[in-house]
Amino acid sequence: MFNGSGVAVVTPFKNGEVDIKKFEDLIDFHINNNTQALIVLGTTGEASTLDNEERELLIKTAVQKVDKRIPVIIGTGSNNTAASVTNTKIAEELGADGVLVVTPYYNKATQKGLIKHYTEIAGATKLPVILYNVPGRTNVNINPETVAELAKIENIVAVKEASGDLSQVLEIKRLVPEDFKIYSGNDDNVIPIYACGGHGVISVIANVIPKEFQKMCSLFSSNDLQGALQLQLKYKKLIDLMFSEVNPIPVKAAVHKLGYIDNELRLPLTPIEESNMMLLVEEMKNLQIL
């Protein structure tokens, strides 16, 4: 798949519609700033508010615009296994390089149910599948033993780990094959997860500082551990501010301040509170991003 910093890219809106021109501009921005993979239709992309036509338009646009320069990974998960299978097949037909599949939310699942869920999805495609574990949103955790069992399936190749539990990450690393990739799903955990044997990050803040976050990953990979740690610490406050309200409210505000998109979200999400915007802008200025 990829090593380093992949961006969970925001979806630009204008007057209630997907703004494809701005989406294409974002893709150019990321490729020009060393982002290693483009993740479309994730949480940060407000995928749950998009209809099927919009989803397909974004996939087609990403695949065509990227033109194989970096991997295009599509979020295809839902709490309905059949729908996840359909989404995955569509992503494959439209030229995606891989899929990111979140655990079922709301109805949840047992570990046995998770194995069956992911087995069905992986069996319906030839694409590489990345498991997405984010129990803070789904209230479901993929246990390390379950990840190891799923890693036996040839095209389940990685996990995006957003549990925040480094002991769990270490146990996953202990149990899975050497070539199975572990990506941080939390921007403040990238260096700790690298230290646990990880391979990079699927990032929110890379929407704002793609070059800097990829540099951090590259420094760790080239054994400049102190340099990598210094960048993680440098951007720690900004990362925290990106989650001052639910993602992607702050990050869309930040990308708007950079001039790339309108600060428009779809309900039930609403624009950032003015007090949080002031703190965000202040820190971006402190870091000379603005």
Protein backbone atom coordinates (compact mmCIF):
# COMPACT_ATOMS: atom_id res chain seq x y z
CA MET A 1 0.00 0.00 0.00
CA PHE A 2 2.12 2.92 1.25
CA ASN A 3 4.58 4.00 3.91
CA GLY A 4 4.48 7.43 5.52
CA SER A 5 1.70 10.01 5.55
CA GLY A 6 -1.60 9.37 3.82
CA VAL A 7 -4.27 12.07 4.03
CA ALA A 8 -7.90 11.45 4.94
CA VAL A 9 -8.93 14.20 2.58
CA VAL A 10 -11.81 16.59 3.29
CA THR A 11 -14.73 16.86 0.85
CA PRO A 12 -15.26 20.45 -0.30
CA PHE A 13 -18.83 21.73 -0.58
CA LYS A 14 -20.22 24.87 -2.19
CA ASN A 15 -23.87 25.86 -1.80
CA GLY A 16 -24.72 22.34 -0.66
CA GLU A 17 -23.03 20.59 -3.59
CA VAL A 18 -19.72 18.76 -3.86
CA ASP A 19 -17.16 21.21 -5.24
CA ILE A 20 -15.20 19.06 -7.68
CA LYS A 21 -12.90 21.85 -8.83
CA LYS A 22 -11.77 22.48 -5.25
CA PHE A 23 -11.41 18.72 -4.73
CA GLU A 24 -9.08 18.52 -7.72
CA ASP A 25 -7.09 21.47 -6.35
CA LEU A 26 -6.69 19.63 -3.05
CA ILE A 27 -5.37 16.56 -4.87
CA ASP A 28 -2.74 18.69 -6.63
CA PHE A 29 -1.83 20.28 -3.28
CA HIS A 30 -1.25 16.89 -1.71
CA ILE A 31 0.73 15.37 -4.54
CA ASN A 32 2.91 18.50 -4.75
CA ASN A 33 3.55 18.28 -0.99
CA ASN A 34 4.65 14.63 -0.80
CA THR A 35 1.50 13.02 0.58
CA GLN A 36 1.97 9.28 0.08
CA ALA A 37 -1.67 8.20 -0.32
CA LEU A 38 -5.07 9.80 -0.81
CA ILE A 39 -7.86 8.39 1.36
CA VAL A 40 -11.27 9.43 0.01
CA LEU A 41 -14.70 8.99 1.65
CA GLY A 42 -13.42 8.60 5.17
CA THR A 43 -14.77 10.19 8.34
CA THR A 44 -12.88 13.38 7.52
CA GLY A 45 -14.50 13.36 4.08
CA GLU A 46 -18.01 13.33 5.60
CA ALA A 47 -18.78 10.13 3.70
CA SER A 48 -21.87 9.40 5.78
CA THR A 49 -23.59 12.50 4.36
CA LEU A 50 -22.87 11.74 0.69
CA ASP A 51 -25.29 9.99 -1.66
CA ASN A 52 -24.22 7.23 -4.05
CA GLU A 53 -23.90 9.56 -7.04
CA GLU A 54 -21.63 11.92 -5.09
CA ARG A 55 -19.52 9.04 -3.81
CA GLU A 56 -18.97 7.72 -7.32
CA LEU A 57 -18.14 11.19 -8.62
CA LEU A 58 -15.48 11.67 -5.94
CA ILE A 59 -13.96 8.24 -6.60
CA LYS A 60 -13.83 8.80 -10.37
CA THR A 61 -12.35 12.27 -9.93
CA ALA A 62 -9.68 11.07 -7.49
CA VAL A 63 -8.66 8.12 -9.65
CA GLN A 64 -8.44 10.20 -12.82
CA LYS A 65 -6.71 13.19 -11.23
CA VAL A 66 -4.16 11.15 -9.28
CA ASP A 67 -3.45 9.00 -12.35
CA LYS A 68 -1.52 6.33 -10.41
CA ARG A 69 0.98 8.80 -8.92
CA ILE A 70 0.02 7.75 -5.39
CA PRO A 71 -2.46 5.13 -4.12
CA VAL A 72 -6.14 6.12 -4.00
CA ILE A 73 -7.81 4.36 -1.07
CA ILE A 74 -11.57 4.54 -0.70
CA GLY A 75 -13.59 4.31 2.49
CA THR A 76 -16.21 1.63 1.82
CA GLY A 77 -17.27 0.50 5.27
CA SER A 78 -20.69 0.70 6.87
CA ASN A 79 -22.68 -1.13 9.54
CA ASN A 80 -24.29 -3.23 6.80
CA THR A 81 -22.03 -5.97 5.43
CA ALA A 82 -23.90 -6.21 2.14
CA ALA A 83 -23.66 -2.45 1.61
CA SER A 84 -19.94 -2.55 2.42
CA VAL A 85 -19.48 -5.28 -0.18
CA THR A 86 -21.35 -3.23 -2.77
CA ASN A 87 -19.34 -0.09 -1.96
CA THR A 88 -16.11 -2.07 -2.25
CA LYS A 89 -17.06 -3.56 -5.62
CA ILE A 90 -17.90 -0.09 -6.93
CA ALA A 91 -14.57 1.29 -5.72
CA GLU A 92 -12.76 -1.54 -7.49
CA GLU A 93 -14.72 -1.02 -10.72
CA LEU A 94 -13.89 2.70 -10.66
CA GLY A 95 -10.16 2.11 -10.36
CA ALA A 96 -9.34 2.45 -6.66
CA ASP A 97 -6.05 1.03 -5.41
CA GLY A 98 -7.39 -0.13 -2.05
CA VAL A 99 -10.22 0.20 0.45
CA LEU A 100 -10.46 1.29 4.07
CA VAL A 101 -13.22 -0.50 5.97
CA VAL A 102 -14.42 0.75 9.34
CA THR A 103 -15.90 -1.61 11.91
CA PRO A 104 -19.71 -1.77 11.99
CA TYR A 105 -21.13 0.98 14.18
CA TYR A 106 -24.44 1.31 16.05
CA ASN A 107 -25.46 -2.34 15.65
CA LYS A 108 -21.82 -3.24 16.54
CA ALA A 109 -20.57 -6.83 16.31
CA THR A 110 -18.88 -9.57 18.29
CA GLN A 111 -15.32 -10.55 17.37
CA LYS A 112 -16.81 -13.52 15.51
CA GLY A 113 -19.10 -11.13 13.67
CA LEU A 114 -16.16 -8.88 12.76
CA ILE A 115 -14.30 -11.83 11.27
CA LYS A 116 -17.31 -12.80 9.17
CA HIS A 117 -17.93 -9.16 8.18
CA TYR A 118 -14.40 -8.57 6.93
CA THR A 119 -14.12 -12.00 5.36
CA GLU A 120 -17.21 -11.28 3.23
CA ILE A 121 -15.83 -7.92 2.11
CA ALA A 122 -12.34 -9.19 1.35
CA GLY A 123 -13.77 -12.14 -0.57
CA ALA A 124 -15.71 -9.79 -2.85
CA THR A 125 -12.68 -7.90 -4.15
CA LYS A 126 -9.11 -8.28 -5.32
CA LEU A 127 -8.22 -4.92 -3.82
CA PRO A 128 -6.06 -4.62 -0.69
CA VAL A 129 -8.23 -4.09 2.39
CA ILE A 130 -7.25 -1.93 5.37
CA LEU A 131 -9.13 -2.61 8.61
CA TYR A 132 -10.17 0.56 10.44
CA ASN A 133 -10.38 0.35 14.20
CA VAL A 134 -11.81 3.49 15.81
CA PRO A 135 -13.72 2.43 18.94
CA GLY A 136 -14.22 6.04 20.04
CA ARG A 137 -16.66 6.45 17.17
CA THR A 138 -18.01 2.94 16.69
CA ASN A 139 -17.92 1.53 20.24
CA VAL A 140 -16.37 -1.61 18.74
CA ASN A 141 -12.74 -2.70 19.19
CA ILE A 142 -10.97 -5.13 16.89
CA ASN A 143 -9.02 -7.27 19.33
CA PRO A 144 -5.40 -8.08 18.38
CA GLU A 145 -6.24 -11.78 18.03
CA THR A 146 -9.00 -10.84 15.58
CA VAL A 147 -6.62 -8.67 13.54
CA ALA A 148 -4.20 -11.62 13.44
CA GLU A 149 -6.94 -13.96 12.27
CA LEU A 150 -8.01 -11.53 9.54
CA ALA A 151 -4.39 -11.00 8.50
CA LYS A 152 -4.40 -14.62 7.29
CA ILE A 153 -6.67 -13.47 4.44
CA GLU A 154 -4.40 -12.61 1.53
CA ASN A 155 -5.82 -9.21 0.63
CA ILE A 156 -6.35 -7.92 4.19
CA VAL A 157 -3.02 -6.17 4.37
CA ALA A 158 -3.15 -3.46 7.05
CA VAL A 159 -4.95 -1.89 9.97
CA LYS A 160 -5.60 1.77 10.74
CA GLU A 161 -5.32 1.79 14.52
CA ALA A 162 -7.17 4.64 16.23
CA SER A 163 -7.83 3.01 19.60
CA GLY A 164 -5.11 5.06 21.27
CA ASP A 165 -3.98 1.90 23.07
CA LEU A 166 -0.27 1.37 22.43
CA SER A 167 -0.29 -1.95 24.29
CA GLN A 168 -2.87 -3.14 21.77
CA VAL A 169 -0.69 -1.93 18.89
CA LEU A 170 2.28 -3.86 20.30
CA GLU A 171 0.18 -7.00 20.63
CA ILE A 172 -1.04 -6.65 17.04
CA LYS A 173 2.58 -6.28 15.91
CA ARG A 174 3.54 -9.38 17.86
CA LEU A 175 0.79 -11.48 16.28
CA VAL A 176 0.62 -10.40 12.63
CA PRO A 177 2.98 -11.29 9.77
CA GLU A 178 5.97 -9.02 9.21
CA ASP A 179 4.55 -7.55 6.00
CA PHE A 180 1.19 -6.60 7.57
CA LYS A 181 1.10 -2.82 7.89
CA ILE A 182 -0.01 -0.81 10.91
CA TYR A 183 -1.02 2.82 10.38
CA SER A 184 -1.72 5.32 13.11
CA GLY A 185 -5.26 6.65 13.04
CA ASN A 186 -4.42 9.38 15.56
CA ASP A 187 -2.16 12.25 14.56
CA ASP A 188 -0.70 12.56 18.06
CA ASN A 189 0.32 8.87 18.07
CA VAL A 190 2.34 8.65 14.87
CA ILE A 191 5.82 8.44 16.39
CA PRO A 192 4.70 6.15 19.24
CA ILE A 193 3.11 3.79 16.72
CA TYR A 194 6.21 3.90 14.52
CA ALA A 195 8.14 2.88 17.64
CA CYS A 196 5.75 -0.06 18.03
CA GLY A 197 6.57 -1.24 14.51
CA GLY A 198 4.11 0.87 12.55
CA HIS A 199 4.42 2.09 8.98
CA GLY A 200 2.83 5.54 8.89
CA VAL A 201 -0.40 7.43 9.41
CA ILE A 202 -3.78 8.04 7.83
CA SER A 203 -3.94 11.63 8.88
CA VAL A 204 -6.36 14.48 9.49
CA ILE A 205 -3.78 17.22 10.02
CA ALA A 206 -2.05 16.29 6.75
CA ASN A 207 -4.91 18.24 5.14
CA VAL A 208 -3.10 21.33 6.51
CA ILE A 209 0.60 20.39 6.77
CA PRO A 210 1.12 17.51 4.33
CA LYS A 211 4.80 18.18 3.62
CA GLU A 212 5.68 18.53 7.30
CA PHE A 213 3.87 15.35 8.32
CA GLN A 214 5.51 13.34 5.55
CA LYS A 215 8.88 14.76 6.61
CA MET A 216 8.22 13.55 10.16
CA CYS A 217 7.52 10.05 8.85
CA SER A 218 10.61 10.11 6.62
CA LEU A 219 12.83 11.20 9.49
CA PHE A 220 11.71 8.27 11.62
CA SER A 221 12.18 5.84 8.73
CA SER A 222 15.73 7.13 8.20
CA ASN A 223 16.49 6.63 11.93
CA ASP A 224 16.49 10.33 12.82
CA LEU A 225 14.31 9.57 15.82
CA GLN A 226 15.01 12.84 17.59
CA GLY A 227 14.15 14.88 14.51
CA ALA A 228 10.90 12.97 14.04
CA LEU A 229 9.97 13.41 17.69
CA GLN A 230 10.63 17.14 17.54
CA LEU A 231 8.16 17.51 14.67
CA GLN A 232 5.55 15.44 16.52
CA LEU A 233 5.95 17.75 19.51
CA LYS A 234 6.02 20.90 17.39
CA TYR A 235 2.58 20.16 15.97
CA LYS A 236 1.06 18.62 19.11
CA LYS A 237 -0.95 21.73 20.05
CA LEU A 238 -2.26 22.16 16.51
CA ILE A 239 -3.27 18.49 16.44
CA ASP A 240 -5.16 18.98 19.70
CA LEU A 241 -6.94 22.00 18.25
CA MET A 242 -7.97 19.92 15.24
CA PHE A 243 -10.07 17.96 17.69
CA SER A 244 -11.39 20.88 19.74
CA GLU A 245 -14.69 19.98 18.06
CA VAL A 246 -15.67 16.80 16.29
CA ASN A 247 -13.64 15.98 13.18
CA PRO A 248 -13.80 17.35 10.47
CA ILE A 249 -15.18 20.66 11.79
CA PRO A 250 -11.80 22.20 12.81
CA VAL A 251 -9.77 20.80 9.91
CA LYS A 252 -12.22 22.14 7.33
CA ALA A 253 -11.94 25.54 9.01
CA ALA A 254 -8.14 25.32 8.79
CA VAL A 255 -8.16 24.29 5.11
CA HIS A 256 -10.57 27.15 4.46
CA LYS A 257 -8.13 29.57 6.11
CA LEU A 258 -5.45 28.29 3.72
CA GLY A 259 -7.75 29.34 0.89
CA TYR A 260 -8.49 25.93 -0.60
CA ILE A 261 -12.16 25.41 0.25
CA ASP A 262 -15.30 27.10 1.54
CA ASN A 263 -15.92 26.48 5.24
CA GLU A 264 -19.04 24.46 4.53
CA LEU A 265 -20.14 21.21 6.17
CA ARG A 266 -23.23 19.08 5.94
CA LEU A 267 -25.65 18.69 8.80
CA PRO A 268 -25.57 17.46 11.46
CA LEU A 269 -22.11 19.08 11.45
CA THR A 270 -21.92 22.86 11.73
CA PRO A 271 -19.03 25.34 11.29
CA ILE A 272 -16.51 25.77 14.09
CA GLU A 273 -17.32 28.00 17.06
CA GLU A 274 -15.69 31.42 16.86
CA SER A 275 -13.70 30.90 20.06
CA ASN A 276 -12.17 27.70 18.71
CA MET A 277 -11.53 29.33 15.34
CA MET A 278 -9.55 32.09 17.05
CA LEU A 279 -7.36 29.55 18.86
CA LEU A 280 -6.84 27.57 15.65
CA VAL A 281 -5.83 30.63 13.64
CA GLU A 282 -3.53 31.82 16.42
CA GLU A 283 -1.64 28.51 16.45
CA MET A 284 -1.45 28.37 12.65
CA LYS A 285 0.11 31.83 12.75
CA ASN A 286 2.51 30.78 15.51
CA LEU A 287 3.65 27.91 13.29
CA GLN A 288 3.83 30.24 10.25
CA ILE A 289 1.26 28.15 8.39
CA LEU A 290 -0.75 31.36 7.90
